[in-house]
C-alpha atoms as a PDB file:
ATOM      1  CA  MET A   1      24.550  15.249 -66.393  1.00  0.00           C
ATOM      2  CA  ALA A   2      23.442  17.829 -63.854  1.00  0.00           C
ATOM      3  CA  ASP A   3      19.609  18.054 -65.296  1.00  0.00           C
ATOM      4  CA  ASP A   4      19.970  14.896 -64.771  1.00  0.00           C
ATOM      5  CA  LEU A   5      20.567  15.061 -60.878  1.00  0.00           C
ATOM      6  CA  TYR A   6      18.702  17.889 -60.491  1.00  0.00           C
ATOM      7  CA  ALA A   7      15.543  15.821 -61.840  1.00  0.00           C
ATOM      8  CA  ARG A   8      16.570  12.980 -59.444  1.00  0.00           C
ATOM      9  CA  TYR A   9      16.835  14.971 -56.318  1.00  0.00           C
ATOM     10  CA  MET A  10      12.904  16.983 -56.972  1.00  0.00           C
ATOM     11  CA  LYS A  11      11.961  13.787 -57.570  1.00  0.00           C
ATOM     12  CA  ALA A  12      13.076  11.841 -54.438  1.00  0.00           C
ATOM     13  CA  ALA A  13      12.712  15.459 -53.024  1.00  0.00           C
ATOM     14  CA  ALA A  14       8.873  14.583 -53.972  1.00  0.00           C
ATOM     15  CA  ALA A  15       8.545  11.848 -53.028  1.00  0.00           C
ATOM     16  CA  SER A  16       9.576  12.464 -49.847  1.00  0.00           C
ATOM     17  CA  ARG A  17       6.676  15.042 -48.643  1.00  0.00           C
ATOM     18  CA  ALA A  18       4.476  12.423 -49.697  1.00  0.00           C
ATOM     19  CA  HIS A  19       5.119   9.795 -47.647  1.00  0.00           C
ATOM     20  CA  ARG A  20       5.551  12.000 -44.128  1.00  0.00           C
ATOM     21  CA  ARG A  21       1.838  13.474 -45.497  1.00  0.00           C
ATOM     22  CA  ASP A  22       0.275   9.794 -46.019  1.00  0.00           C
ATOM     23  CA  CYS A  23       2.271   7.857 -43.573  1.00  0.00           C
ATOM     24  CA  THR A  24       0.818   7.774 -40.614  1.00  0.00           C
ATOM     25  CA  GLN A  25       3.510   6.260 -38.127  1.00  0.00           C
ATOM     26  CA  CYS A  26       6.466   8.886 -38.942  1.00  0.00           C
ATOM     27  CA  SER A  27       5.684  12.870 -37.466  1.00  0.00           C
ATOM     28  CA  PRO A  28       8.614  15.559 -37.181  1.00  0.00           C
ATOM     29  CA  ASP A  29      10.503  14.208 -34.867  1.00  0.00           C
ATOM     30  CA  ALA A  30      10.286  10.276 -36.255  1.00  0.00           C
ATOM     31  CA  LEU A  31      10.705   8.381 -39.129  1.00  0.00           C
ATOM     32  CA  CYS A  32       9.328   5.155 -39.933  1.00  0.00           C
ATOM     33  CA  THR A  33      11.934   2.966 -42.094  1.00  0.00           C
ATOM     34  CA  THR A  34      10.824   3.763 -45.239  1.00  0.00           C
ATOM     35  CA  GLY A  35      10.522   7.806 -45.095  1.00  0.00           C
ATOM     36  CA  ARG A  36      14.588   7.230 -43.159  1.00  0.00           C
ATOM     37  CA  ARG A  37      15.374   5.598 -46.406  1.00  0.00           C
ATOM     38  CA  LEU A  38      12.741   8.607 -48.717  1.00  0.00           C
ATOM     39  CA  HIS A  39      14.295  11.067 -47.066  1.00  0.00           C
ATOM     40  CA  GLU A  40      18.202   9.550 -46.851  1.00  0.00           C
ATOM     41  CA  SER A  41      18.450   8.844 -51.007  1.00  0.00           C
ATOM     42  CA  PHE A  42      16.390  12.601 -51.408  1.00  0.00           C
ATOM     43  CA  THR A  43      19.417  13.917 -48.956  1.00  0.00           C
ATOM     44  CA  ARG A  44      21.800  12.354 -50.833  1.00  0.00           C
ATOM     45  CA  LEU A  45      20.495  13.454 -53.960  1.00  0.00           C
ATOM     46  CA  GLN A  46      20.338  17.032 -53.187  1.00  0.00           C
ATOM     47  CA  ASP A  47      24.294  16.801 -51.091  1.00  0.00           C
ATOM     48  CA  ALA A  48      25.561  16.228 -54.819  1.00  0.00           C
ATOM     49  CA  TYR A  49      23.364  18.290 -57.180  1.00  0.00           C
ATOM     50  CA  LEU A  50      24.850  21.658 -54.575  1.00  0.00           C
ATOM     51  CA  THR A  51      28.305  19.896 -54.596  1.00  0.00           C
ATOM     52  CA  GLN A  52      27.893  20.251 -58.029  1.00  0.00           C
ATOM     53  CA  GLN A  53      26.632  23.633 -58.592  1.00  0.00           C
ATOM     54  CA  LYS A  54      29.475  24.554 -56.054  1.00  0.00           C
ATOM     55  CA  LYS A  55      32.356  23.392 -58.980  1.00  0.00           C
ATOM     56  CA  LYS A  56      30.278  25.507 -62.062  1.00  0.00           C
ATOM     57  CA  ARG A  57      31.300  28.302 -59.535  1.00  0.00           C
END
């Protein structure tokens, strides 16, 4: 389960970075609708992964 969550977290991070790199509407201060959705998905998965890692300690 942890490996799957980590893989999803890394995939979401890569998707968010790729979108921001290629999107002409996104800026450092504001994201377009798609960019915001991708970033929110990344942060949710990151939070879940870090919470899981803290529980293992």
